[in-house]
Amino acid sequence: MEKLNIGIILGSTRQGRLSPQVGNWVKEIGDQRGDANYEIVDIADYKLPFYGEGSGDESGLAAWSEKLSRLDGFVFIVQEYNHSITGALKNALDSARDEWNNKAAGIVSYGSTGGARAAEHLRGILGELLVADVRVHPTLSLYTDFENFRTFKPAELHLQNVNAMLDQTIAWSGALKTLR
């Protein structure tokens, strides 16, 4: 059976962002499992225009669409800004439509309250895009999982939750592949 392709989407483009550290940690855990092809997908690399403001011919839009089309599922690395997801992530979600449909997603969030409010906002958006979000949701605290709020040092207890989230994401991504 062919392995599923799971994109680990970095949900921030901000200078000094922490999402690459978290995303690389999730990828390392996934790679050790060997049950799917995990890859980092950095929305900053696509230089997406604001939804509705571009001509529609920007190369980043075509590359974004192509990347999403090749993925079977996602893990969103979500940081909480002002009780929600970043504008860059919302724009990236809005910049595609059918490419998201009938796929599954896990969420790993972080912030002062573990990013839970941002994750809840993301769940509503994913539902509209026909993405099935899984139940297990690792939440990371800026106070206990980041040294000096900058260097990611996750507590060991998160490993079990990340693996459970990946289990669910793989199961749902495989089941939903039959609909595509």
C-alpha atoms as a PDB file:
ATOM      1  CA  MET A   1       0.000   0.000   0.000  1.00  0.00           C
ATOM      2  CA  GLU A   2       1.302   3.422  -0.967  1.00  0.00           C
ATOM      3  CA  LYS A   3       2.132   5.752   1.907  1.00  0.00           C
ATOM      4  CA  LEU A   4      -0.005   8.831   2.430  1.00  0.00           C
ATOM      5  CA  ASN A   5       1.476  12.297   1.985  1.00  0.00           C
ATOM      6  CA  ILE A   6       0.944  14.520   5.019  1.00  0.00           C
ATOM      7  CA  GLY A   7       1.824  18.212   4.886  1.00  0.00           C
ATOM      8  CA  ILE A   8       2.849  19.903   8.115  1.00  0.00           C
ATOM      9  CA  ILE A   9       1.628  23.427   7.488  1.00  0.00           C
ATOM     10  CA  LEU A  10       3.446  26.225   9.279  1.00  0.00           C
ATOM     11  CA  GLY A  11       0.718  28.719  10.115  1.00  0.00           C
ATOM     12  CA  SER A  12       2.789  31.872  10.522  1.00  0.00           C
ATOM     13  CA  THR A  13       4.971  34.025   8.305  1.00  0.00           C
ATOM     14  CA  ARG A  14       6.049  36.448  11.036  1.00  0.00           C
ATOM     15  CA  GLN A  15       9.727  37.270  11.585  1.00  0.00           C
ATOM     16  CA  GLY A  16      11.017  35.354  14.609  1.00  0.00           C
ATOM     17  CA  ARG A  17       8.147  32.867  14.443  1.00  0.00           C
ATOM     18  CA  LEU A  18       8.311  29.678  16.446  1.00  0.00           C
ATOM     19  CA  SER A  19       6.335  27.456  14.082  1.00  0.00           C
ATOM     20  CA  PRO A  20       9.405  26.027  12.276  1.00  0.00           C
ATOM     21  CA  GLN A  21      10.672  24.598  15.579  1.00  0.00           C
ATOM     22  CA  VAL A  22       7.310  22.991  16.353  1.00  0.00           C
ATOM     23  CA  GLY A  23       6.806  21.790  12.785  1.00  0.00           C
ATOM     24  CA  ASN A  24      10.249  20.159  12.658  1.00  0.00           C
ATOM     25  CA  TRP A  25       9.531  18.401  15.971  1.00  0.00           C
ATOM     26  CA  VAL A  26       6.253  16.994  14.607  1.00  0.00           C
ATOM     27  CA  LYS A  27       8.015  15.937  11.398  1.00  0.00           C
ATOM     28  CA  GLU A  28      10.747  14.133  13.364  1.00  0.00           C
ATOM     29  CA  ILE A  29       8.094  12.232  15.317  1.00  0.00           C
ATOM     30  CA  GLY A  30       6.252  11.385  12.094  1.00  0.00           C
ATOM     31  CA  ASP A  31       9.405  10.300  10.303  1.00  0.00           C
ATOM     32  CA  GLN A  32      10.278   7.943  13.176  1.00  0.00           C
ATOM     33  CA  ARG A  33       6.861   6.314  12.786  1.00  0.00           C
ATOM     34  CA  GLY A  34       7.415   5.584   9.090  1.00  0.00           C
ATOM     35  CA  ASP A  35       3.678   5.343   8.372  1.00  0.00           C
ATOM     36  CA  ALA A  36       3.447   8.282   5.944  1.00  0.00           C
ATOM     37  CA  ASN A  37       5.533  10.736   3.993  1.00  0.00           C
ATOM     38  CA  TYR A  38       5.665  13.866   6.170  1.00  0.00           C
ATOM     39  CA  GLU A  39       6.831  17.189   4.798  1.00  0.00           C
ATOM     40  CA  ILE A  40       7.001  20.750   6.036  1.00  0.00           C
ATOM     41  CA  VAL A  41       4.831  23.136   4.018  1.00  0.00           C
ATOM     42  CA  ASP A  42       5.755  26.730   4.814  1.00  0.00           C
ATOM     43  CA  ILE A  43       3.111  29.165   3.617  1.00  0.00           C
ATOM     44  CA  ALA A  44       5.772  31.899   3.646  1.00  0.00           C
ATOM     45  CA  ASP A  45       7.424  30.195   0.656  1.00  0.00           C
ATOM     46  CA  TYR A  46       4.414  30.821  -1.585  1.00  0.00           C
ATOM     47  CA  LYS A  47       4.124  34.614  -1.329  1.00  0.00           C
ATOM     48  CA  LEU A  48       0.341  34.392  -1.643  1.00  0.00           C
ATOM     49  CA  PRO A  49      -1.471  37.615  -2.492  1.00  0.00           C
ATOM     50  CA  PHE A  50      -4.315  38.632  -0.222  1.00  0.00           C
ATOM     51  CA  TYR A  51      -7.378  36.688  -1.247  1.00  0.00           C
ATOM     52  CA  GLY A  52      -9.274  38.594  -3.928  1.00  0.00           C
ATOM     53  CA  GLU A  53      -6.546  41.190  -4.482  1.00  0.00           C
ATOM     54  CA  GLY A  54      -4.289  39.404  -6.925  1.00  0.00           C
ATOM     55  CA  SER A  55      -4.816  38.764 -10.593  1.00  0.00           C
ATOM     56  CA  GLY A  56      -5.149  35.029  -9.983  1.00  0.00           C
ATOM     57  CA  ASP A  57      -2.106  34.401 -12.168  1.00  0.00           C
ATOM     58  CA  GLU A  58       0.526  34.707  -9.438  1.00  0.00           C
ATOM     59  CA  SER A  59       3.007  31.835  -9.501  1.00  0.00           C
ATOM     60  CA  GLY A  60       2.594  31.318  -5.771  1.00  0.00           C
ATOM     61  CA  LEU A  61      -1.097  30.533  -6.193  1.00  0.00           C
ATOM     62  CA  ALA A  62      -0.426  27.850  -8.792  1.00  0.00           C
ATOM     63  CA  ALA A  63       2.363  26.328  -6.689  1.00  0.00           C
ATOM     64  CA  TRP A  64       0.126  26.423  -3.577  1.00  0.00           C
ATOM     65  CA  SER A  65      -2.697  24.675  -5.425  1.00  0.00           C
ATOM     66  CA  GLU A  66      -0.320  22.053  -6.808  1.00  0.00           C
ATOM     67  CA  LYS A  67       1.217  21.388  -3.381  1.00  0.00           C
ATOM     68  CA  LEU A  68      -2.168  20.970  -1.666  1.00  0.00           C
ATOM     69  CA  SER A  69      -3.428  18.709  -4.448  1.00  0.00           C
ATOM     70  CA  ARG A  70      -0.549  16.275  -3.863  1.00  0.00           C
ATOM     71  CA  LEU A  71      -1.255  15.966  -0.133  1.00  0.00           C
ATOM     72  CA  ASP A  72      -3.628  13.463   1.464  1.00  0.00           C
ATOM     73  CA  GLY A  73      -3.825  15.178   4.834  1.00  0.00           C
ATOM     74  CA  PHE A  74      -2.418  17.918   6.995  1.00  0.00           C
ATOM     75  CA  VAL A  75      -1.075  18.803  10.400  1.00  0.00           C
ATOM     76  CA  PHE A  76      -1.541  22.493  11.094  1.00  0.00           C
ATOM     77  CA  ILE A  77       0.974  24.191  13.370  1.00  0.00           C
ATOM     78  CA  VAL A  78      -1.168  26.960  14.797  1.00  0.00           C
ATOM     79  CA  GLN A  79      -0.087  29.862  16.948  1.00  0.00           C
ATOM     80  CA  GLU A  80      -2.643  31.974  18.742  1.00  0.00           C
ATOM     81  CA  TYR A  81      -2.586  35.674  17.939  1.00  0.00           C
ATOM     82  CA  ASN A  82      -5.383  37.784  19.396  1.00  0.00           C
ATOM     83  CA  HIS A  83      -7.458  34.671  20.209  1.00  0.00           C
ATOM     84  CA  SER A  84      -7.376  33.383  16.621  1.00  0.00           C
ATOM     85  CA  ILE A  85      -5.211  32.073  13.796  1.00  0.00           C
ATOM     86  CA  THR A  86      -2.847  34.315  11.891  1.00  0.00           C
ATOM     87  CA  GLY A  87      -4.045  36.379   8.943  1.00  0.00           C
ATOM     88  CA  ALA A  88      -1.461  34.585   6.799  1.00  0.00           C
ATOM     89  CA  LEU A  89      -2.978  31.191   7.605  1.00  0.00           C
ATOM     90  CA  LYS A  90      -6.518  32.415   6.970  1.00  0.00           C
ATOM     91  CA  ASN A  91      -5.391  33.823   3.636  1.00  0.00           C
ATOM     92  CA  ALA A  92      -3.647  30.536   2.729  1.00  0.00           C
ATOM     93  CA  LEU A  93      -6.799  28.596   3.568  1.00  0.00           C
ATOM     94  CA  ASP A  94      -8.930  30.957   1.470  1.00  0.00           C
ATOM     95  CA  SER A  95      -6.479  30.857  -1.459  1.00  0.00           C
ATOM     96  CA  ALA A  96      -7.583  27.335  -2.386  1.00  0.00           C
ATOM     97  CA  ARG A  97     -10.902  25.521  -2.249  1.00  0.00           C
ATOM     98  CA  ASP A  98     -11.279  22.126  -3.865  1.00  0.00           C
ATOM     99  CA  GLU A  99      -7.675  21.207  -3.019  1.00  0.00           C
ATOM    100  CA  TRP A 100      -8.672  20.953   0.671  1.00  0.00           C
ATOM    101  CA  ASN A 101     -11.802  18.873   0.151  1.00  0.00           C
ATOM    102  CA  ASN A 102     -12.168  15.358   1.590  1.00  0.00           C
ATOM    103  CA  LYS A 103      -8.890  15.344   3.463  1.00  0.00           C
ATOM    104  CA  ALA A 104      -8.107  15.115   7.170  1.00  0.00           C
ATOM    105  CA  ALA A 105      -6.156  17.367   9.485  1.00  0.00           C
ATOM    106  CA  GLY A 106      -4.574  17.309  12.885  1.00  0.00           C
ATOM    107  CA  ILE A 107      -3.825  20.469  14.800  1.00  0.00           C
ATOM    108  CA  VAL A 108      -0.867  21.262  17.066  1.00  0.00           C
ATOM    109  CA  SER A 109      -1.293  24.662  18.688  1.00  0.00           C
ATOM    110  CA  TYR A 110       0.676  26.894  21.000  1.00  0.00           C
ATOM    111  CA  GLY A 111       0.258  30.137  22.866  1.00  0.00           C
ATOM    112  CA  SER A 112      -0.309  31.498  26.345  1.00  0.00           C
ATOM    113  CA  THR A 113      -3.305  29.165  26.725  1.00  0.00           C
ATOM    114  CA  GLY A 114      -1.919  26.445  24.475  1.00  0.00           C
ATOM    115  CA  GLY A 115      -3.402  28.057  21.386  1.00  0.00           C
ATOM    116  CA  ALA A 116      -6.766  26.440  22.074  1.00  0.00           C
ATOM    117  CA  ARG A 117      -8.833  29.438  20.924  1.00  0.00           C
ATOM    118  CA  ALA A 118      -6.987  29.612  17.608  1.00  0.00           C
ATOM    119  CA  ALA A 119      -7.461  25.879  17.096  1.00  0.00           C
ATOM    120  CA  GLU A 120     -11.203  26.221  17.679  1.00  0.00           C
ATOM    121  CA  HIS A 121     -11.412  28.989  15.076  1.00  0.00           C
ATOM    122  CA  LEU A 122      -9.444  26.828  12.658  1.00  0.00           C
ATOM    123  CA  ARG A 123     -11.841  23.901  13.161  1.00  0.00           C
ATOM    124  CA  GLY A 124     -14.768  26.009  11.932  1.00  0.00           C
ATOM    125  CA  ILE A 125     -12.872  27.051   8.822  1.00  0.00           C
ATOM    126  CA  LEU A 126     -11.752  23.493   8.103  1.00  0.00           C
ATOM    127  CA  GLY A 127     -15.350  22.275   8.312  1.00  0.00           C
ATOM    128  CA  GLU A 128     -16.351  24.748   5.606  1.00  0.00           C
ATOM    129  CA  LEU A 129     -13.479  23.472   3.418  1.00  0.00           C
ATOM    130  CA  LEU A 130     -14.595  19.842   3.879  1.00  0.00           C
ATOM    131  CA  VAL A 131     -11.523  18.972   5.915  1.00  0.00           C
ATOM    132  CA  ALA A 132     -12.174  16.497   8.714  1.00  0.00           C
ATOM    133  CA  ASP A 133     -10.254  17.628  11.771  1.00  0.00           C
ATOM    134  CA  VAL A 134      -9.305  14.926  14.245  1.00  0.00           C
ATOM    135  CA  ARG A 135     -10.111  14.942  17.943  1.00  0.00           C
ATOM    136  CA  VAL A 136      -6.688  14.667  19.597  1.00  0.00           C
ATOM    137  CA  HIS A 137      -5.138  18.105  19.756  1.00  0.00           C
ATOM    138  CA  PRO A 138      -1.717  18.665  21.336  1.00  0.00           C
ATOM    139  CA  THR A 139      -1.547  22.096  23.000  1.00  0.00           C
ATOM    140  CA  LEU A 140       1.783  23.687  23.871  1.00  0.00           C
ATOM    141  CA  SER A 141       2.310  26.480  26.365  1.00  0.00           C
ATOM    142  CA  LEU A 142       4.626  29.406  25.745  1.00  0.00           C
ATOM    143  CA  TYR A 143       5.335  29.313  29.488  1.00  0.00           C
ATOM    144  CA  THR A 144       6.342  25.683  29.926  1.00  0.00           C
ATOM    145  CA  ASP A 145       7.267  24.359  26.471  1.00  0.00           C
ATOM    146  CA  PHE A 146       9.445  27.253  25.269  1.00  0.00           C
ATOM    147  CA  GLU A 147      12.572  28.323  27.111  1.00  0.00           C
ATOM    148  CA  ASN A 148      12.543  32.118  27.435  1.00  0.00           C
ATOM    149  CA  PHE A 149       9.506  32.095  25.100  1.00  0.00           C
ATOM    150  CA  ARG A 150      11.881  31.453  22.151  1.00  0.00           C
ATOM    151  CA  THR A 151      13.453  27.992  22.206  1.00  0.00           C
ATOM    152  CA  PHE A 152      11.111  25.038  21.871  1.00  0.00           C
ATOM    153  CA  LYS A 153      11.649  22.437  24.583  1.00  0.00           C
ATOM    154  CA  PRO A 154       8.444  20.391  24.726  1.00  0.00           C
ATOM    155  CA  ALA A 155       7.498  18.454  27.816  1.00  0.00           C
ATOM    156  CA  GLU A 156       7.787  14.702  27.298  1.00  0.00           C
ATOM    157  CA  LEU A 157       4.054  14.254  27.908  1.00  0.00           C
ATOM    158  CA  HIS A 158       3.280  15.794  24.507  1.00  0.00           C
ATOM    159  CA  LEU A 159       4.853  12.894  22.611  1.00  0.00           C
ATOM    160  CA  GLN A 160       1.906  10.606  23.379  1.00  0.00           C
ATOM    161  CA  ASN A 161      -0.608  13.227  22.206  1.00  0.00           C
ATOM    162  CA  VAL A 162       1.285  13.937  18.982  1.00  0.00           C
ATOM    163  CA  ASN A 163       1.403  10.226  18.176  1.00  0.00           C
ATOM    164  CA  ALA A 164      -2.310   9.834  18.922  1.00  0.00           C
ATOM    165  CA  MET A 165      -3.090  12.849  16.728  1.00  0.00           C
ATOM    166  CA  LEU A 166      -0.976  11.381  13.907  1.00  0.00           C
ATOM    167  CA  ASP A 167      -2.720   8.006  14.317  1.00  0.00           C
ATOM    168  CA  GLN A 168      -6.085   9.700  13.805  1.00  0.00           C
ATOM    169  CA  THR A 169      -4.865  11.918  10.962  1.00  0.00           C
ATOM    170  CA  ILE A 170      -3.445   8.919   9.069  1.00  0.00           C
ATOM    171  CA  ALA A 171      -6.601   6.841   9.615  1.00  0.00           C
ATOM    172  CA  TRP A 172      -8.943   9.587   8.459  1.00  0.00           C
ATOM    173  CA  SER A 173      -6.694  10.643   5.560  1.00  0.00           C
ATOM    174  CA  GLY A 174      -6.680   7.073   4.282  1.00  0.00           C
ATOM    175  CA  ALA A 175     -10.440   6.696   4.656  1.00  0.00           C
ATOM    176  CA  LEU A 176     -11.163  10.002   2.930  1.00  0.00           C
ATOM    177  CA  LYS A 177      -8.829   9.184   0.033  1.00  0.00           C
ATOM    178  CA  THR A 178     -11.594   6.873  -1.228  1.00  0.00           C
ATOM    179  CA  LEU A 179     -13.772   9.963  -1.792  1.00  0.00           C
ATOM    180  CA  ARG A 180     -11.243  11.797  -3.951  1.00  0.00           C
END
